[in-house]
């Protein structure tokens, strides 16, 4: 969430920043809610103090053997009044908190302006798209020729937006996961994490998926227990810092986690209905950084570079794009997307988003570090990025390494995870 002190001190400045996203902060409503909340708190505090003083007065009267019937009646009236005021305070605070939790993060000043993805700015490119001597197929057609990518079977089992992988393609999918984890842990200094796939509502509030994006999540209820299937490993891994005060000497903390991800794709009907680009269930290797605030933008460059190394090691052409103000995610202050070249679509498609959330998630999670300069706990900065999305990496390998006879060459970096296999054939 945003800094409460800044919100109260200068809501107009925050409104101007959020307007770059196309988000409208109703400043007058905010001020009215804040006044209501403060007034309710002051009234409750004053009545509580009066009740406590009155209780002492009753105690003194009892000690002197005085008649206290009237005093007791007055005390009961104060108790009823306090109960009513506490309910008002609770209601005012809840409405205020709901508004604040619905506010997106403030944008970094360097984020380019724009309404949607058409205004995103290309930062750099790596690699040159392959020149095929035949018309390249998309991954769906390649998978069908190999008889190793089965959407029909997945549809019978679960419905749309699922896939069954078989044989060499299933092994290639697993090889990509192992390759990414080994790269990030052995070369980039990440600690591997195995995390829960089911999380509590509070964890999703902490990382910003709730309350705003509940429609995009799969909710699981068992008896009186409520869980959500994780939309990304960002949720459980970032929450490792939840309600903690971290010592400066332990920062930065860098985590890598492979998990399945589950998304209802509530707002994407009609988009990417063909193939594996947008699925209800998919795999990612997620990278999370927890850092000192002054280090977070250097960390974002580092994190992006680590995701790029995955694609470079696979020799997949890609580009890095700075998202514009209208395309940056809810919790991010600044984001780079990596977009990999897909010959079957003849375009670059997103395969990783690398975001600096600054203190936005940390405030929601109460994740802090002890600043040696002040000796006080202060919010950490959190960052996350896909390193990378496994299903989309599989799509990119199938399309970029396809051969005219329908086979797929295994990238050299993956062969040790494929038992030395160099080609996948049907």
Protein backbone atom coordinates (compact mmCIF):
# COMPACT_ATOMS: atom_id res chain seq x y z
CA UNK A 1 0.00 0.00 0.00
CA UNK A 2 1.03 3.61 -0.29
CA UNK A 3 2.75 5.56 2.46
CA UNK A 4 -0.04 6.62 4.83
CA UNK A 5 1.86 9.72 5.92
CA UNK A 6 2.24 10.90 2.33
CA UNK A 7 -1.39 10.07 1.59
CA UNK A 8 -2.57 12.22 4.46
CA UNK A 9 -0.05 15.02 3.87
CA UNK A 10 -0.46 15.43 0.10
CA UNK A 11 -3.24 13.36 -1.49
CA UNK A 12 -3.26 15.72 -4.48
CA UNK A 13 0.33 14.75 -5.38
CA UNK A 14 -0.59 11.08 -5.20
CA UNK A 15 -3.68 11.69 -7.33
CA UNK A 16 -1.51 13.32 -10.01
CA UNK A 17 0.88 10.36 -10.03
CA UNK A 18 -1.90 7.77 -10.19
CA UNK A 19 -3.59 9.73 -12.97
CA UNK A 20 -0.65 8.73 -15.18
CA UNK A 21 -2.02 5.19 -14.93
CA UNK A 22 -5.50 6.36 -15.82
CA UNK A 23 -6.53 5.80 -12.20
CA UNK A 24 -8.76 8.43 -10.61
CA UNK A 25 -8.25 9.02 -6.89
CA UNK A 26 -11.30 10.77 -5.44
CA UNK A 27 -9.40 13.18 -3.20
CA UNK A 28 -12.52 14.68 -1.67
CA UNK A 29 -13.84 11.25 -0.71
CA UNK A 30 -10.44 10.35 0.70
CA UNK A 31 -10.36 13.50 2.82
CA UNK A 32 -13.92 12.92 4.02
CA UNK A 33 -13.11 9.34 5.02
CA UNK A 34 -9.96 10.46 6.80
CA UNK A 35 -11.90 13.11 8.73
CA UNK A 36 -14.57 10.59 9.66
CA UNK A 37 -11.93 8.09 10.78
CA UNK A 38 -10.08 10.68 12.86
CA UNK A 39 -13.25 12.05 14.42
CA UNK A 40 -14.42 8.54 15.35
CA UNK A 41 -11.03 7.73 16.87
CA UNK A 42 -10.91 10.96 18.90
CA UNK A 43 -14.47 10.49 20.17
CA UNK A 44 -13.78 6.87 21.14
CA UNK A 45 -10.50 7.79 22.86
CA UNK A 46 -12.15 10.60 24.82
CA UNK A 47 -15.07 8.42 25.90
CA UNK A 48 -12.70 5.60 26.84
CA UNK A 49 -10.69 8.00 28.97
CA UNK A 50 -13.91 9.28 30.59
CA UNK A 51 -15.05 5.72 31.31
CA UNK A 52 -11.71 4.83 32.88
CA UNK A 53 -11.75 7.99 35.00
CA UNK A 54 -15.30 7.23 36.05
CA UNK A 55 -14.33 3.66 37.01
CA UNK A 56 -11.65 5.07 39.30
CA UNK A 57 -14.23 7.43 40.80
CA UNK A 58 -16.55 4.47 41.49
CA UNK A 59 -13.70 2.59 43.14
CA UNK A 60 -12.92 5.51 45.42
CA UNK A 61 -16.61 5.89 46.34
CA UNK A 62 -16.83 2.20 47.23
CA UNK A 63 -13.82 2.58 49.47
CA UNK A 64 -15.56 5.34 51.41
CA UNK A 65 -18.83 3.44 51.70
CA UNK A 66 -20.71 6.04 49.66
CA UNK A 67 -23.93 5.41 47.73
CA UNK A 68 -22.86 4.51 44.18
CA UNK A 69 -26.12 3.59 42.42
CA UNK A 70 -26.08 6.78 40.38
CA UNK A 71 -22.41 6.38 39.61
CA UNK A 72 -22.95 2.83 38.35
CA UNK A 73 -25.77 3.96 36.08
CA UNK A 74 -23.53 6.71 34.70
CA UNK A 75 -20.77 4.15 34.11
CA UNK A 76 -23.14 1.87 32.21
CA UNK A 77 -24.19 4.78 30.03
CA UNK A 78 -20.52 5.55 29.27
CA UNK A 79 -19.93 1.88 28.40
CA UNK A 80 -22.86 1.86 25.97
CA UNK A 81 -21.67 5.11 24.42
CA UNK A 82 -18.14 3.72 24.03
CA UNK A 83 -19.44 0.53 22.41
CA UNK A 84 -21.36 2.61 19.86
CA UNK A 85 -18.36 4.83 19.16
CA UNK A 86 -16.03 1.83 18.75
CA UNK A 87 -18.41 0.38 16.17
CA UNK A 88 -18.36 3.68 14.31
CA UNK A 89 -14.57 3.80 14.54
CA UNK A 90 -14.32 0.23 13.23
CA UNK A 91 -16.67 0.98 10.32
CA UNK A 92 -14.86 4.21 9.44
CA UNK A 93 -11.45 2.48 9.60
CA UNK A 94 -12.68 -0.44 7.46
CA UNK A 95 -13.99 1.91 4.76
CA UNK A 96 -10.77 3.94 4.84
CA UNK A 97 -8.62 0.78 4.64
CA UNK A 98 -10.71 -0.55 1.75
CA UNK A 99 -10.04 2.64 -0.20
CA UNK A 100 -6.31 2.56 0.56
CA UNK A 101 -5.95 -1.15 -0.35
CA UNK A 102 -7.57 -0.38 -3.70
CA UNK A 103 -4.95 2.22 -4.63
CA UNK A 104 -2.23 1.06 -7.05
CA UNK A 105 1.43 1.78 -6.51
CA UNK A 106 2.89 5.14 -7.43
CA UNK A 107 4.91 5.13 -10.64
CA UNK A 108 8.62 5.85 -10.78
CA UNK A 109 9.33 9.12 -12.55
CA UNK A 110 11.20 7.32 -15.36
CA UNK A 111 8.15 5.28 -16.47
CA UNK A 112 7.13 6.46 -19.97
CA UNK A 113 3.65 7.91 -20.37
CA UNK A 114 1.03 6.05 -22.38
CA UNK A 115 -2.45 4.55 -22.21
CA UNK A 116 -1.72 0.94 -23.16
CA UNK A 117 0.89 -1.51 -24.46
CA UNK A 118 1.15 0.35 -27.78
CA UNK A 119 3.08 3.07 -25.91
CA UNK A 120 5.63 0.70 -24.35
CA UNK A 121 9.24 1.61 -25.16
CA UNK A 122 11.75 -0.86 -26.53
CA UNK A 123 14.99 -0.70 -24.54
CA UNK A 124 17.16 -3.26 -26.37
CA UNK A 125 17.14 -6.41 -28.48
CA UNK A 126 19.23 -9.55 -28.37
CA UNK A 127 19.63 -12.12 -31.12
CA UNK A 128 18.38 -12.24 -34.69
CA UNK A 129 15.23 -14.16 -35.67
CA UNK A 130 16.04 -17.27 -37.67
CA UNK A 131 15.57 -17.19 -41.44
CA UNK A 132 13.58 -20.35 -42.25
CA UNK A 133 13.74 -22.03 -45.65
CA UNK A 134 10.17 -23.24 -45.08
CA UNK A 135 7.02 -21.70 -43.65
CA UNK A 136 7.36 -22.02 -39.86
CA UNK A 137 4.48 -23.55 -37.92
CA UNK A 138 3.14 -22.40 -34.58
CA UNK A 139 3.63 -24.59 -31.51
CA UNK A 140 0.14 -26.09 -31.75
CA UNK A 141 0.79 -27.48 -35.23
CA UNK A 142 4.28 -28.62 -34.23
CA UNK A 143 2.93 -30.42 -31.17
CA UNK A 144 0.20 -32.09 -33.21
CA UNK A 145 2.74 -33.37 -35.76
CA UNK A 146 4.84 -34.80 -32.93
CA UNK A 147 1.70 -36.19 -31.24
CA UNK A 148 3.09 -34.86 -27.94
CA UNK A 149 0.92 -31.77 -27.28
CA UNK A 150 -2.71 -32.74 -26.69
CA UNK A 151 -5.32 -30.04 -26.12
CA UNK A 152 -8.20 -32.36 -26.95
CA UNK A 153 -7.36 -34.77 -24.12
CA UNK A 154 -6.91 -31.86 -21.70
CA UNK A 155 -10.32 -30.56 -22.76
CA UNK A 156 -11.94 -33.88 -21.91
CA UNK A 157 -10.19 -33.92 -18.53
CA UNK A 158 -10.53 -30.29 -17.45
CA UNK A 159 -11.94 -28.07 -20.18
CA UNK A 160 -10.48 -25.19 -22.15
CA UNK A 161 -7.09 -23.58 -21.45
CA UNK A 162 -5.37 -26.76 -20.32
CA UNK A 163 -2.87 -29.01 -22.10
CA UNK A 164 -1.42 -32.51 -21.81
CA UNK A 165 2.25 -32.87 -22.77
CA UNK A 166 3.71 -36.24 -23.66
CA UNK A 167 7.01 -37.93 -24.43
CA UNK A 168 9.88 -35.76 -25.55
CA UNK A 169 7.95 -32.51 -25.22
CA UNK A 170 7.01 -33.30 -21.61
CA UNK A 171 10.66 -34.06 -20.92
CA UNK A 172 11.70 -30.84 -22.66
CA UNK A 173 9.30 -28.95 -20.39
CA UNK A 174 10.94 -30.54 -17.33
CA UNK A 175 14.41 -29.85 -18.75
CA UNK A 176 13.62 -26.15 -19.04
CA UNK A 177 12.69 -26.03 -15.32
CA UNK A 178 15.89 -27.79 -14.28
CA UNK A 179 17.99 -25.59 -16.54
CA UNK A 180 16.51 -22.38 -15.10
CA UNK A 181 16.84 -23.46 -11.47
CA UNK A 182 20.43 -24.58 -11.96
CA UNK A 183 21.33 -21.35 -13.75
CA UNK A 184 19.84 -19.08 -11.10
CA UNK A 185 21.14 -20.98 -8.07
CA UNK A 186 24.63 -21.86 -9.31
CA UNK A 187 25.47 -18.73 -11.32
CA UNK A 188 23.23 -15.97 -10.02
CA UNK A 189 23.29 -16.64 -6.28
CA UNK A 190 19.61 -17.40 -5.63
CA UNK A 191 18.39 -19.62 -2.82
CA UNK A 192 16.00 -22.25 -4.16
CA UNK A 193 12.63 -22.33 -2.40
CA UNK A 194 9.88 -24.93 -2.38
CA UNK A 195 6.71 -23.05 -1.38
CA UNK A 196 3.02 -23.83 -0.78
CA UNK A 197 0.69 -23.78 -3.76
CA UNK A 198 -2.28 -22.94 -1.54
CA UNK A 199 -2.14 -19.64 0.36
CA UNK A 200 -4.32 -17.69 2.77
CA UNK A 201 -6.22 -14.57 1.77
CA UNK A 202 -3.84 -12.43 3.85
CA UNK A 203 -0.87 -13.53 1.73
CA UNK A 204 -2.57 -12.33 -1.46
CA UNK A 205 -3.52 -9.04 0.20
CA UNK A 206 0.15 -8.70 1.12
CA UNK A 207 1.40 -8.95 -2.44
CA UNK A 208 -1.48 -6.94 -3.91
CA UNK A 209 -3.59 -9.53 -5.75
CA UNK A 210 -6.41 -9.02 -3.24
CA UNK A 211 -8.84 -7.45 -2.87
CA UNK A 212 -8.77 -6.01 -6.40
CA UNK A 213 -8.13 -9.15 -8.50
CA UNK A 214 -10.16 -11.85 -6.76
CA UNK A 215 -11.96 -12.71 -10.01
CA UNK A 216 -8.60 -13.79 -11.49
CA UNK A 217 -7.96 -16.34 -8.72
CA UNK A 218 -9.08 -19.88 -8.02
CA UNK A 219 -10.58 -20.09 -4.53
CA UNK A 220 -10.64 -23.38 -2.60
CA UNK A 221 -12.87 -23.95 0.43
CA UNK A 222 -12.63 -27.01 2.65
CA UNK A 223 -14.95 -26.92 5.62
CA UNK A 224 -14.17 -23.68 7.41
CA UNK A 225 -10.79 -23.30 5.71
CA UNK A 226 -10.33 -20.90 2.80
CA UNK A 227 -7.35 -21.02 0.46
CA UNK A 228 -6.40 -19.68 -2.95
CA UNK A 229 -4.31 -21.45 -5.58
CA UNK A 230 -1.27 -19.29 -6.22
CA UNK A 231 -1.31 -17.21 -9.43
CA UNK A 232 2.49 -16.99 -9.20
CA UNK A 233 5.26 -18.03 -6.80
CA UNK A 234 5.71 -14.32 -6.11
CA UNK A 235 2.93 -14.67 -3.53
CA UNK A 236 4.33 -17.32 -1.13
CA UNK A 237 7.98 -16.41 -1.72
CA UNK A 238 7.60 -12.65 -1.14
CA UNK A 239 5.56 -13.44 1.98
CA UNK A 240 8.65 -15.09 3.47
CA UNK A 241 9.45 -11.56 4.66
CA UNK A 242 5.96 -11.05 6.08
CA UNK A 243 5.79 -9.61 9.61
CA UNK A 244 9.58 -9.82 9.89
CA UNK A 245 12.24 -7.29 10.86
CA UNK A 246 15.30 -8.27 8.82
CA UNK A 247 18.81 -7.33 9.84
CA UNK A 248 20.70 -5.22 7.30
CA UNK A 249 23.50 -7.79 7.14
CA UNK A 250 21.07 -10.39 5.72
CA UNK A 251 20.09 -8.24 2.73
CA UNK A 252 19.73 -8.65 -0.16
CA UNK A 253 17.77 -11.90 -0.11
CA UNK A 254 17.32 -13.56 -3.49
CA UNK A 255 14.97 -16.49 -3.97
CA UNK A 256 14.18 -18.74 -6.94
CA UNK A 257 11.14 -21.00 -6.91
CA UNK A 258 9.57 -23.33 -9.42
CA UNK A 259 5.82 -23.71 -8.97
CA UNK A 260 2.71 -24.28 -11.00
CA UNK A 261 0.59 -21.15 -11.35
CA UNK A 262 -3.19 -21.01 -11.54
CA UNK A 263 -5.15 -18.17 -13.10
CA UNK A 264 -8.81 -17.97 -14.03
CA UNK A 265 -7.99 -15.46 -16.82
CA UNK A 266 -11.32 -13.78 -16.02
CA UNK A 267 -10.53 -10.71 -18.11
CA UNK A 268 -9.00 -12.46 -21.12
CA UNK A 269 -11.91 -14.18 -22.84
CA UNK A 270 -11.24 -14.26 -26.56
CA UNK A 271 -7.51 -13.62 -26.12
CA UNK A 272 -4.90 -16.27 -27.01
CA UNK A 273 -7.48 -19.02 -27.18
CA UNK A 274 -5.18 -21.09 -29.40
CA UNK A 275 -2.34 -22.96 -27.78
CA UNK A 276 -0.31 -22.57 -24.61
CA UNK A 277 0.18 -18.82 -24.38
CA UNK A 278 -2.64 -18.24 -21.88
CA UNK A 279 -3.51 -21.23 -19.70
CA UNK A 280 -5.37 -21.79 -16.43
CA UNK A 281 -2.42 -23.89 -15.20
CA UNK A 282 1.19 -23.28 -16.18
CA UNK A 283 4.70 -23.40 -14.69
CA UNK A 284 7.14 -20.64 -13.85
CA UNK A 285 10.52 -20.24 -12.26
CA UNK A 286 10.03 -17.06 -10.25
CA UNK A 287 12.76 -14.74 -8.97
CA UNK A 288 12.18 -12.59 -5.88
CA UNK A 289 14.49 -10.00 -4.34
CA UNK A 290 14.12 -8.43 -0.88
CA UNK A 291 16.51 -5.48 -0.64
CA UNK A 292 17.39 -2.21 1.02
CA UNK A 293 15.40 0.65 -0.53
CA UNK A 294 18.50 2.37 -1.91
CA UNK A 295 19.48 -0.81 -3.77
CA UNK A 296 16.17 -1.65 -5.43
CA UNK A 297 16.69 -0.10 -8.86
CA UNK A 298 20.11 -1.68 -9.24
CA UNK A 299 18.46 -4.93 -8.17
CA UNK A 300 15.82 -4.53 -10.87
CA UNK A 301 18.51 -4.28 -13.53
CA UNK A 302 20.24 -7.34 -12.05
CA UNK A 303 17.02 -9.34 -11.91
CA UNK A 304 16.18 -8.46 -15.52
CA UNK A 305 19.67 -9.49 -16.58
CA UNK A 306 19.25 -12.87 -14.88
CA UNK A 307 16.02 -13.52 -16.78
CA UNK A 308 17.76 -12.47 -20.00
CA UNK A 309 20.52 -15.03 -19.37
CA UNK A 310 17.92 -17.79 -19.59
CA UNK A 311 16.94 -16.73 -23.09
CA UNK A 312 20.53 -16.08 -24.14
CA UNK A 313 21.53 -19.56 -22.98
CA UNK A 314 18.74 -21.00 -25.12
CA UNK A 315 19.72 -18.75 -28.06
CA UNK A 316 16.21 -17.34 -28.30
CA UNK A 317 15.89 -13.84 -29.82
CA UNK A 318 14.12 -11.39 -27.50
CA UNK A 319 13.64 -7.74 -26.71
CA UNK A 320 13.39 -5.78 -23.47
CA UNK A 321 10.49 -3.33 -23.21
CA UNK A 322 9.83 -0.63 -20.59
CA UNK A 323 6.12 -0.66 -19.81
CA UNK A 324 4.31 2.65 -20.08
CA UNK A 325 2.24 4.21 -17.30
CA UNK A 326 -1.01 2.67 -18.53
CA UNK A 327 0.42 -0.86 -18.77
CA UNK A 328 2.40 -1.17 -15.52
CA UNK A 329 0.88 -3.67 -13.09
CA UNK A 330 -1.07 -2.68 -9.98
CA UNK A 331 1.73 -3.23 -7.46
CA UNK A 332 4.71 -2.19 -9.57
CA UNK A 333 6.50 1.15 -9.61
CA UNK A 334 8.41 0.24 -12.79
CA UNK A 335 8.47 -2.85 -15.00
CA UNK A 336 10.55 -4.28 -17.83
CA UNK A 337 8.98 -7.02 -19.94
CA UNK A 338 11.05 -9.56 -21.84
CA UNK A 339 9.40 -10.52 -25.11
CA UNK A 340 10.64 -13.60 -26.97
CA UNK A 341 10.41 -14.00 -30.74
CA UNK A 342 7.80 -16.55 -31.90
CA UNK A 343 8.18 -17.47 -35.58
CA UNK A 344 4.72 -19.06 -35.66
CA UNK A 345 3.16 -15.71 -34.80
CA UNK A 346 5.83 -13.53 -36.41
CA UNK A 347 5.94 -11.32 -33.34
CA UNK A 348 7.55 -10.86 -29.95
CA UNK A 349 5.46 -12.14 -27.02
CA UNK A 350 5.89 -11.56 -23.29
CA UNK A 351 7.80 -14.28 -21.45
CA UNK A 352 8.82 -12.38 -18.29
CA UNK A 353 7.89 -9.26 -16.35
CA UNK A 354 10.55 -7.86 -14.02
CA UNK A 355 9.08 -5.39 -11.54
CA UNK A 356 10.23 -3.19 -8.69
CA UNK A 357 7.37 -2.85 -6.21
CA UNK A 358 9.44 -0.58 -3.95
CA UNK A 359 7.77 -0.57 -0.47
CA UNK A 360 4.23 -1.19 -1.77
CA UNK A 361 4.09 -4.88 -0.87
CA UNK A 362 6.26 -4.48 2.21
CA UNK A 363 3.80 -2.08 3.84
CA UNK A 364 0.94 -4.49 3.19
CA UNK A 365 2.96 -7.40 4.63
CA UNK A 366 4.68 -5.49 7.43
CA UNK A 367 8.02 -6.61 5.99
CA UNK A 368 10.77 -4.43 7.40
CA UNK A 369 14.50 -4.14 7.91
CA UNK A 370 16.40 -2.44 10.70
CA UNK A 371 18.11 0.57 9.17
CA UNK A 372 21.53 0.94 10.86
CA UNK A 373 21.46 4.69 10.20
CA UNK A 374 18.31 5.19 12.29
CA UNK A 375 18.17 2.01 14.35
CA UNK A 376 14.49 1.81 13.44
CA UNK A 377 12.46 -0.72 11.43
CA UNK A 378 11.58 0.55 7.95
CA UNK A 379 9.87 -1.11 4.95
CA UNK A 380 12.10 -3.15 2.67
CA UNK A 381 11.76 -3.03 -1.10
CA UNK A 382 10.58 -6.13 -2.98
CA UNK A 383 11.09 -7.12 -6.59
CA UNK A 384 9.92 -10.05 -8.66
CA UNK A 385 10.26 -11.43 -12.16
CA UNK A 386 9.77 -14.62 -14.11
CA UNK A 387 13.04 -16.34 -14.75
CA UNK A 388 11.19 -17.34 -16.97
CA UNK A 389 7.65 -18.61 -17.71
CA UNK A 390 8.26 -22.28 -18.54
CA UNK A 391 5.29 -22.87 -20.85
CA UNK A 392 6.11 -19.85 -22.98
CA UNK A 393 9.78 -20.87 -23.07
CA UNK A 394 8.63 -24.27 -24.32
CA UNK A 395 6.54 -22.57 -27.01
CA UNK A 396 9.57 -20.48 -28.03
CA UNK A 397 11.88 -23.51 -28.22
CA UNK A 398 9.40 -25.54 -30.27
CA UNK A 399 8.87 -22.71 -32.74
CA UNK A 400 12.46 -21.45 -33.02
CA UNK A 401 14.06 -24.91 -33.19
CA UNK A 402 11.54 -26.59 -35.50
CA UNK A 403 12.78 -28.39 -38.61
CA UNK A 404 11.17 -28.84 -41.99
CA UNK A 405 10.54 -32.56 -41.35
CA UNK A 406 8.46 -31.78 -38.23
CA UNK A 407 11.17 -32.58 -35.70
CA UNK A 408 12.53 -30.15 -33.11
CA UNK A 409 16.21 -29.71 -32.30
CA UNK A 410 16.97 -29.68 -28.57
CA UNK A 411 18.91 -26.53 -27.55
CA UNK A 412 22.43 -27.44 -26.49
CA UNK A 413 21.91 -26.03 -22.99
CA UNK A 414 19.09 -28.53 -22.37
CA UNK A 415 20.65 -31.72 -23.70
CA UNK A 416 22.21 -32.81 -20.43
CA UNK A 417 18.70 -32.75 -18.93
CA UNK A 418 17.36 -34.76 -21.88
CA UNK A 419 19.68 -37.74 -21.55
CA UNK A 420 21.82 -36.36 -24.37
CA UNK A 421 18.97 -36.28 -26.86
CA UNK A 422 19.61 -33.82 -29.68
CA UNK A 423 16.32 -34.02 -31.56
CA UNK A 424 12.67 -34.68 -30.68
CA UNK A 425 10.89 -36.67 -33.36
CA UNK A 426 7.34 -37.92 -33.70
